[in-house]
Amino acid sequence: SSTKSLTGHALGAAGVNEAIYSILMMQHNFIAASANIDNLDAGAEGLPIVRALETDLPLKTVLSNSFGFGGTNACLVFQRYQA
């Protein structure tokens, strides 16, 4: 799923926004839809593109990718704490 389509580009804060959204989705067991996908390219058919809100998902691990201008990139993996 892509949250940038819902919020726009926050420049320097884009990475932290994506991390927060990822943690919230894991905490509340949902995946937000990627907005504004009206016509899917034929080459993308069959790919796991989230086009509608998905709920009641037992998310245990999420991956947050942030790719910035000029090669400033970060990938974070968050996982539920198992007591």
PDB file of N, CA and C in Angstrom:
ATOM      1  N   SER A   1       0.845  -1.165   0.000  1.00  0.00           N
ATOM      2  CA  SER A   1       0.000   0.000   0.000  1.00  0.00           C
ATOM      3  C   SER A   1       0.894   1.233   0.000  1.00  0.00           C
ATOM      4  N   SER A   2       0.390   2.323  -0.472  1.00  0.00           N
ATOM      5  CA  SER A   2       1.158   3.564  -0.505  1.00  0.00           C
ATOM      6  C   SER A   2       0.392   4.644   0.236  1.00  0.00           C
ATOM      7  N   THR A   3       0.997   5.174   1.293  1.00  0.00           N
ATOM      8  CA  THR A   3       0.316   6.228   2.044  1.00  0.00           C
ATOM      9  C   THR A   3       0.579   7.609   1.466  1.00  0.00           C
ATOM     10  N   LYS A   4       1.614   7.756   0.658  1.00  0.00           N
ATOM     11  CA  LYS A   4       1.923   9.076   0.088  1.00  0.00           C
ATOM     12  C   LYS A   4       0.772   9.575  -0.784  1.00  0.00           C
ATOM     13  N   SER A   5       0.031   8.650  -1.401  1.00  0.00           N
ATOM     14  CA  SER A   5      -1.111   9.054  -2.218  1.00  0.00           C
ATOM     15  C   SER A   5      -2.239   9.633  -1.362  1.00  0.00           C
ATOM     16  N   LEU A   6      -2.215   9.366  -0.066  1.00  0.00           N
ATOM     17  CA  LEU A   6      -3.231   9.892   0.844  1.00  0.00           C
ATOM     18  C   LEU A   6      -2.812  11.209   1.490  1.00  0.00           C
ATOM     19  N   THR A   7      -1.504  11.429   1.639  1.00  0.00           N
ATOM     20  CA  THR A   7      -1.034  12.580   2.404  1.00  0.00           C
ATOM     21  C   THR A   7      -0.224  13.584   1.605  1.00  0.00           C
ATOM     22  N   GLY A   8       0.276  13.197   0.456  1.00  0.00           N
ATOM     23  CA  GLY A   8       1.182  14.056  -0.290  1.00  0.00           C
ATOM     24  C   GLY A   8       2.608  13.856   0.194  1.00  0.00           C
ATOM     25  N   HIS A   9       3.522  14.611  -0.353  1.00  0.00           N
ATOM     26  CA  HIS A   9       4.934  14.462  -0.001  1.00  0.00           C
ATOM     27  C   HIS A   9       5.293  15.468   1.081  1.00  0.00           C
ATOM     28  N   ALA A  10       5.789  14.974   2.198  1.00  0.00           N
ATOM     29  CA  ALA A  10       6.134  15.839   3.330  1.00  0.00           C
ATOM     30  C   ALA A  10       7.617  16.199   3.360  1.00  0.00           C
ATOM     31  N   LEU A  11       8.304  16.026   2.244  1.00  0.00           N
ATOM     32  CA  LEU A  11       9.736  16.314   2.132  1.00  0.00           C
ATOM     33  C   LEU A  11      10.509  15.640   3.264  1.00  0.00           C
ATOM     34  N   GLY A  12      11.108  16.375   4.172  1.00  0.00           N
ATOM     35  CA  GLY A  12      11.947  15.794   5.214  1.00  0.00           C
ATOM     36  C   GLY A  12      11.217  14.920   6.210  1.00  0.00           C
ATOM     37  N   ALA A  13       9.907  15.062   6.313  1.00  0.00           N
ATOM     38  CA  ALA A  13       9.135  14.278   7.273  1.00  0.00           C
ATOM     39  C   ALA A  13       8.500  13.040   6.649  1.00  0.00           C
ATOM     40  N   ALA A  14       8.722  12.807   5.378  1.00  0.00           N
ATOM     41  CA  ALA A  14       8.049  11.697   4.699  1.00  0.00           C
ATOM     42  C   ALA A  14       8.364  10.354   5.340  1.00  0.00           C
ATOM     43  N   GLY A  15       9.599  10.144   5.749  1.00  0.00           N
ATOM     44  CA  GLY A  15       9.984   8.869   6.350  1.00  0.00           C
ATOM     45  C   GLY A  15       9.299   8.612   7.674  1.00  0.00           C
ATOM     46  N   VAL A  16       9.250   9.629   8.530  1.00  0.00           N
ATOM     47  CA  VAL A  16       8.608   9.441   9.824  1.00  0.00           C
ATOM     48  C   VAL A  16       7.101   9.261   9.659  1.00  0.00           C
ATOM     49  N   ASN A  17       6.494   9.964   8.707  1.00  0.00           N
ATOM     50  CA  ASN A  17       5.065   9.762   8.443  1.00  0.00           C
ATOM     51  C   ASN A  17       4.799   8.315   8.061  1.00  0.00           C
ATOM     52  N   GLU A  18       5.584   7.785   7.139  1.00  0.00           N
ATOM     53  CA  GLU A  18       5.406   6.407   6.684  1.00  0.00           C
ATOM     54  C   GLU A  18       5.603   5.422   7.834  1.00  0.00           C
ATOM     55  N   ALA A  19       6.581   5.669   8.694  1.00  0.00           N
ATOM     56  CA  ALA A  19       6.820   4.788   9.838  1.00  0.00           C
ATOM     57  C   ALA A  19       5.621   4.797  10.788  1.00  0.00           C
ATOM     58  N   ILE A  20       5.084   5.975  11.070  1.00  0.00           N
ATOM     59  CA  ILE A  20       3.922   6.082  11.958  1.00  0.00           C
ATOM     60  C   ILE A  20       2.717   5.379  11.350  1.00  0.00           C
ATOM     61  N   TYR A  21       2.461   5.593  10.064  1.00  0.00           N
ATOM     62  CA  TYR A  21       1.326   4.927   9.413  1.00  0.00           C
ATOM     63  C   TYR A  21       1.489   3.411   9.477  1.00  0.00           C
ATOM     64  N   SER A  22       2.697   2.927   9.265  1.00  0.00           N
ATOM     65  CA  SER A  22       2.948   1.483   9.289  1.00  0.00           C
ATOM     66  C   SER A  22       2.658   0.903  10.671  1.00  0.00           C
ATOM     67  N   ILE A  23       3.114   1.596  11.715  1.00  0.00           N
ATOM     68  CA  ILE A  23       2.876   1.122  13.080  1.00  0.00           C
ATOM     69  C   ILE A  23       1.387   1.169  13.415  1.00  0.00           C
ATOM     70  N   LEU A  24       0.693   2.235  13.006  1.00  0.00           N
ATOM     71  CA  LEU A  24      -0.752   2.325  13.261  1.00  0.00           C
ATOM     72  C   LEU A  24      -1.517   1.205  12.559  1.00  0.00           C
ATOM     73  N   MET A  25      -1.120   0.894  11.321  1.00  0.00           N
ATOM     74  CA  MET A  25      -1.800  -0.187  10.605  1.00  0.00           C
ATOM     75  C   MET A  25      -1.567  -1.521  11.301  1.00  0.00           C
ATOM     76  N   MET A  26      -0.357  -1.756  11.788  1.00  0.00           N
ATOM     77  CA  MET A  26      -0.079  -2.999  12.501  1.00  0.00           C
ATOM     78  C   MET A  26      -0.850  -3.031  13.823  1.00  0.00           C
ATOM     79  N   GLN A  27      -0.867  -1.922  14.549  1.00  0.00           N
ATOM     80  CA  GLN A  27      -1.548  -1.855  15.840  1.00  0.00           C
ATOM     81  C   GLN A  27      -3.051  -2.099  15.708  1.00  0.00           C
ATOM     82  N   HIS A  28      -3.661  -1.587  14.633  1.00  0.00           N
ATOM     83  CA  HIS A  28      -5.115  -1.677  14.469  1.00  0.00           C
ATOM     84  C   HIS A  28      -5.543  -2.705  13.421  1.00  0.00           C
ATOM     85  N   ASN A  29      -4.595  -3.517  12.940  1.00  0.00           N
ATOM     86  CA  ASN A  29      -4.884  -4.649  12.046  1.00  0.00           C
ATOM     87  C   ASN A  29      -5.606  -4.261  10.761  1.00  0.00           C
ATOM     88  N   PHE A  30      -5.068  -3.279  10.054  1.00  0.00           N
ATOM     89  CA  PHE A  30      -5.638  -2.923   8.756  1.00  0.00           C
ATOM     90  C   PHE A  30      -4.527  -2.500   7.811  1.00  0.00           C
ATOM     91  N   ILE A  31      -4.827  -2.481   6.528  1.00  0.00           N
ATOM     92  CA  ILE A  31      -3.925  -1.946   5.516  1.00  0.00           C
ATOM     93  C   ILE A  31      -4.702  -0.904   4.728  1.00  0.00           C
ATOM     94  N   ALA A  32      -4.167   0.307   4.696  1.00  0.00           N
ATOM     95  CA  ALA A  32      -4.815   1.391   3.955  1.00  0.00           C
ATOM     96  C   ALA A  32      -4.678   1.155   2.455  1.00  0.00           C
ATOM     97  N   ALA A  33      -5.680   1.570   1.740  1.00  0.00           N
ATOM     98  CA  ALA A  33      -5.653   1.447   0.279  1.00  0.00           C
ATOM     99  C   ALA A  33      -4.759   2.519  -0.319  1.00  0.00           C
ATOM    100  N   SER A  34      -4.185   2.222  -1.452  1.00  0.00           N
ATOM    101  CA  SER A  34      -3.472   3.233  -2.236  1.00  0.00           C
ATOM    102  C   SER A  34      -4.531   4.045  -2.971  1.00  0.00           C
ATOM    103  N   ALA A  35      -4.519   5.355  -2.785  1.00  0.00           N
ATOM    104  CA  ALA A  35      -5.556   6.211  -3.364  1.00  0.00           C
ATOM    105  C   ALA A  35      -5.294   6.500  -4.838  1.00  0.00           C
ATOM    106  N   ASN A  36      -6.339   6.866  -5.521  1.00  0.00           N
ATOM    107  CA  ASN A  36      -6.282   7.373  -6.896  1.00  0.00           C
ATOM    108  C   ASN A  36      -5.818   6.354  -7.933  1.00  0.00           C
ATOM    109  N   ILE A  37      -6.030   5.089  -7.678  1.00  0.00           N
ATOM    110  CA  ILE A  37      -5.727   4.082  -8.696  1.00  0.00           C
ATOM    111  C   ILE A  37      -7.053   3.745  -9.376  1.00  0.00           C
ATOM    112  N   ASP A  38      -7.292   4.389 -10.495  1.00  0.00           N
ATOM    113  CA  ASP A  38      -8.534   4.169 -11.229  1.00  0.00           C
ATOM    114  C   ASP A  38      -8.366   3.133 -12.325  1.00  0.00           C
ATOM    115  N   ASN A  39      -7.284   3.215 -13.054  1.00  0.00           N
ATOM    116  CA  ASN A  39      -7.024   2.289 -14.156  1.00  0.00           C
ATOM    117  C   ASN A  39      -5.659   1.650 -13.947  1.00  0.00           C
ATOM    118  N   LEU A  40      -5.662   0.367 -13.675  1.00  0.00           N
ATOM    119  CA  LEU A  40      -4.423  -0.361 -13.434  1.00  0.00           C
ATOM    120  C   LEU A  40      -3.807  -0.772 -14.759  1.00  0.00           C
ATOM    121  N   ASP A  41      -2.520  -0.518 -14.917  1.00  0.00           N
ATOM    122  CA  ASP A  41      -1.793  -0.917 -16.120  1.00  0.00           C
ATOM    123  C   ASP A  41      -1.860  -2.436 -16.270  1.00  0.00           C
ATOM    124  N   ALA A  42      -2.017  -2.899 -17.490  1.00  0.00           N
ATOM    125  CA  ALA A  42      -2.122  -4.339 -17.739  1.00  0.00           C
ATOM    126  C   ALA A  42      -0.895  -5.085 -17.224  1.00  0.00           C
ATOM    127  N   GLY A  43       0.276  -4.458 -17.248  1.00  0.00           N
ATOM    128  CA  GLY A  43       1.489  -5.095 -16.758  1.00  0.00           C
ATOM    129  C   GLY A  43       1.510  -5.269 -15.249  1.00  0.00           C
ATOM    130  N   ALA A  44       0.626  -4.570 -14.536  1.00  0.00           N
ATOM    131  CA  ALA A  44       0.569  -4.663 -13.079  1.00  0.00           C
ATOM    132  C   ALA A  44      -0.514  -5.620 -12.595  1.00  0.00           C
ATOM    133  N   GLU A  45      -1.289  -6.166 -13.506  1.00  0.00           N
ATOM    134  CA  GLU A  45      -2.330  -7.125 -13.120  1.00  0.00           C
ATOM    135  C   GLU A  45      -1.688  -8.298 -12.398  1.00  0.00           C
ATOM    136  N   GLY A  46      -2.292  -8.714 -11.303  1.00  0.00           N
ATOM    137  CA  GLY A  46      -1.786  -9.848 -10.550  1.00  0.00           C
ATOM    138  C   GLY A  46      -0.794  -9.477  -9.458  1.00  0.00           C
ATOM    139  N   LEU A  47      -0.313  -8.226  -9.457  1.00  0.00           N
ATOM    140  CA  LEU A  47       0.590  -7.782  -8.398  1.00  0.00           C
ATOM    141  C   LEU A  47      -0.223  -7.439  -7.149  1.00  0.00           C
ATOM    142  N   PRO A  48       0.365  -7.575  -5.972  1.00  0.00           N
ATOM    143  CA  PRO A  48      -0.387  -7.316  -4.732  1.00  0.00           C
ATOM    144  C   PRO A  48      -0.545  -5.822  -4.447  1.00  0.00           C
ATOM    145  N   ILE A  49      -1.335  -5.149  -5.259  1.00  0.00           N
ATOM    146  CA  ILE A  49      -1.583  -3.717  -5.100  1.00  0.00           C
ATOM    147  C   ILE A  49      -2.871  -3.545  -4.298  1.00  0.00           C
ATOM    148  N   VAL A  50      -2.776  -2.845  -3.184  1.00  0.00           N
ATOM    149  CA  VAL A  50      -3.929  -2.678  -2.295  1.00  0.00           C
ATOM    150  C   VAL A  50      -4.782  -1.540  -2.831  1.00  0.00           C
ATOM    151  N   ARG A  51      -5.957  -1.885  -3.345  1.00  0.00           N
ATOM    152  CA  ARG A  51      -6.832  -0.878  -3.950  1.00  0.00           C
ATOM    153  C   ARG A  51      -8.053  -0.561  -3.099  1.00  0.00           C
ATOM    154  N   ALA A  52      -8.241  -1.320  -2.011  1.00  0.00           N
ATOM    155  CA  ALA A  52      -9.353  -1.078  -1.093  1.00  0.00           C
ATOM    156  C   ALA A  52      -8.861  -1.351   0.328  1.00  0.00           C
ATOM    157  N   LEU A  53      -9.455  -0.669   1.293  1.00  0.00           N
ATOM    158  CA  LEU A  53      -9.102  -0.870   2.692  1.00  0.00           C
ATOM    159  C   LEU A  53      -9.265  -2.340   3.053  1.00  0.00           C
ATOM    160  N   GLU A  54      -8.253  -2.905   3.684  1.00  0.00           N
ATOM    161  CA  GLU A  54      -8.331  -4.290   4.149  1.00  0.00           C
ATOM    162  C   GLU A  54      -8.284  -4.269   5.668  1.00  0.00           C
ATOM    163  N   THR A  55      -9.266  -4.920   6.304  1.00  0.00           N
ATOM    164  CA  THR A  55      -9.380  -4.885   7.760  1.00  0.00           C
ATOM    165  C   THR A  55      -9.303  -6.286   8.347  1.00  0.00           C
ATOM    166  N   ASP A  56      -9.207  -6.335   9.667  1.00  0.00           N
ATOM    167  CA  ASP A  56      -9.146  -7.596  10.422  1.00  0.00           C
ATOM    168  C   ASP A  56      -7.994  -8.477   9.972  1.00  0.00           C
ATOM    169  N   LEU A  57      -6.847  -7.867   9.747  1.00  0.00           N
ATOM    170  CA  LEU A  57      -5.656  -8.609   9.347  1.00  0.00           C
ATOM    171  C   LEU A  57      -4.739  -8.767  10.555  1.00  0.00           C
ATOM    172  N   PRO A  58      -4.312  -9.974  10.859  1.00  0.00           N
ATOM    173  CA  PRO A  58      -3.417 -10.173  12.008  1.00  0.00           C
ATOM    174  C   PRO A  58      -1.973  -9.811  11.653  1.00  0.00           C
ATOM    175  N   LEU A  59      -1.703  -8.526  11.484  1.00  0.00           N
ATOM    176  CA  LEU A  59      -0.365  -8.090  11.093  1.00  0.00           C
ATOM    177  C   LEU A  59       0.597  -8.236  12.269  1.00  0.00           C
ATOM    178  N   LYS A  60       1.682  -8.952  12.060  1.00  0.00           N
ATOM    179  CA  LYS A  60       2.706  -9.126  13.092  1.00  0.00           C
ATOM    180  C   LYS A  60       3.973  -8.364  12.746  1.00  0.00           C
ATOM    181  N   THR A  61       4.205  -8.157  11.455  1.00  0.00           N
ATOM    182  CA  THR A  61       5.405  -7.480  10.984  1.00  0.00           C
ATOM    183  C   THR A  61       5.030  -6.580   9.817  1.00  0.00           C
ATOM    184  N   VAL A  62       5.585  -5.375   9.785  1.00  0.00           N
ATOM    185  CA  VAL A  62       5.369  -4.469   8.658  1.00  0.00           C
ATOM    186  C   VAL A  62       6.714  -3.908   8.202  1.00  0.00           C
ATOM    187  N   LEU A  63       6.796  -3.581   6.927  1.00  0.00           N
ATOM    188  CA  LEU A  63       7.987  -3.000   6.329  1.00  0.00           C
ATOM    189  C   LEU A  63       7.649  -1.599   5.845  1.00  0.00           C
ATOM    190  N   SER A  64       8.441  -0.629   6.263  1.00  0.00           N
ATOM    191  CA  SER A  64       8.255   0.761   5.852  1.00  0.00           C
ATOM    192  C   SER A  64       9.432   1.158   4.973  1.00  0.00           C
ATOM    193  N   ASN A  65       9.167   1.448   3.713  1.00  0.00           N
ATOM    194  CA  ASN A  65      10.201   1.884   2.771  1.00  0.00           C
ATOM    195  C   ASN A  65      10.039   3.373   2.514  1.00  0.00           C
ATOM    196  N   SER A  66      11.131   4.099   2.581  1.00  0.00           N
ATOM    197  CA  SER A  66      11.119   5.528   2.277  1.00  0.00           C
ATOM    198  C   SER A  66      12.279   5.827   1.346  1.00  0.00           C
ATOM    199  N   PHE A  67      11.953   6.312   0.166  1.00  0.00           N
ATOM    200  CA  PHE A  67      12.966   6.618  -0.837  1.00  0.00           C
ATOM    201  C   PHE A  67      12.903   8.110  -1.128  1.00  0.00           C
ATOM    202  N   GLY A  68      13.940   8.836  -0.730  1.00  0.00           N
ATOM    203  CA  GLY A  68      13.939  10.287  -0.840  1.00  0.00           C
ATOM    204  C   GLY A  68      14.743  10.797  -2.015  1.00  0.00           C
ATOM    205  N   PHE A  69      14.671  12.100  -2.199  1.00  0.00           N
ATOM    206  CA  PHE A  69      15.409  12.752  -3.271  1.00  0.00           C
ATOM    207  C   PHE A  69      16.909  12.634  -3.008  1.00  0.00           C
ATOM    208  N   GLY A  70      17.673  12.451  -4.036  1.00  0.00           N
ATOM    209  CA  GLY A  70      19.124  12.420  -3.910  1.00  0.00           C
ATOM    210  C   GLY A  70      19.677  11.155  -3.297  1.00  0.00           C
ATOM    211  N   GLY A  71      18.892  10.091  -3.263  1.00  0.00           N
ATOM    212  CA  GLY A  71      19.386   8.820  -2.751  1.00  0.00           C
ATOM    213  C   GLY A  71      19.304   8.660  -1.248  1.00  0.00           C
ATOM    214  N   THR A  72      18.503   9.479  -0.584  1.00  0.00           N
ATOM    215  CA  THR A  72      18.308   9.334   0.857  1.00  0.00           C
ATOM    216  C   THR A  72      17.211   8.306   1.076  1.00  0.00           C
ATOM    217  N   ASN A  73      17.606   7.078   1.345  1.00  0.00           N
ATOM    218  CA  ASN A  73      16.663   5.969   1.417  1.00  0.00           C
ATOM    219  C   ASN A  73      16.749   5.282   2.772  1.00  0.00           C
ATOM    220  N   ALA A  74      15.623   4.750   3.235  1.00  0.00           N
ATOM    221  CA  ALA A  74      15.600   3.999   4.490  1.00  0.00           C
ATOM    222  C   ALA A  74      14.515   2.942   4.426  1.00  0.00           C
ATOM    223  N   CYS A  75      14.793   1.797   5.001  1.00  0.00           N
ATOM    224  CA  CYS A  75      13.816   0.722   5.136  1.00  0.00           C
ATOM    225  C   CYS A  75      13.802   0.306   6.599  1.00  0.00           C
ATOM    226  N   LEU A  76      12.627   0.274   7.196  1.00  0.00           N
ATOM    227  CA  LEU A  76      12.477  -0.106   8.596  1.00  0.00           C
ATOM    228  C   LEU A  76      11.511  -1.274   8.693  1.00  0.00           C
ATOM    229  N   VAL A  77      11.832  -2.235   9.540  1.00  0.00           N
ATOM    230  CA  VAL A  77      10.945  -3.361   9.806  1.00  0.00           C
ATOM    231  C   VAL A  77      10.470  -3.228  11.246  1.00  0.00           C
ATOM    232  N   PHE A  78       9.150  -3.237  11.428  1.00  0.00           N
ATOM    233  CA  PHE A  78       8.557  -3.180  12.762  1.00  0.00           C
ATOM    234  C   PHE A  78       7.843  -4.498  13.015  1.00  0.00           C
ATOM    235  N   GLN A  79       7.970  -4.993  14.250  1.00  0.00           N
ATOM    236  CA  GLN A  79       7.337  -6.265  14.595  1.00  0.00           C
ATOM    237  C   GLN A  79       6.690  -6.131  15.965  1.00  0.00           C
ATOM    238  N   ARG A  80       5.533  -6.785  16.124  1.00  0.00           N
ATOM    239  CA  ARG A  80       4.852  -6.774  17.419  1.00  0.00           C
ATOM    240  C   ARG A  80       5.744  -7.416  18.478  1.00  0.00           C
ATOM    241  N   TYR A  81       5.703  -6.865  19.672  1.00  0.00           N
ATOM    242  CA  TYR A  81       6.457  -7.430  20.788  1.00  0.00           C
ATOM    243  C   TYR A  81       5.728  -8.670  21.280  1.00  0.00           C
ATOM    244  N   GLN A  82       6.455  -9.759  21.385  1.00  0.00           N
ATOM    245  CA  GLN A  82       5.888 -11.013  21.883  1.00  0.00           C
ATOM    246  C   GLN A  82       6.369 -11.224  23.315  1.00  0.00           C
ATOM    247  N   ALA A  83       5.463 -11.124  24.283  1.00  0.00           N
ATOM    248  CA  ALA A  83       5.841 -11.289  25.700  1.00  0.00           C
ATOM    249  C   ALA A  83       6.011 -12.745  26.058  1.00  0.00           C
TER     250      ALA A  83
END
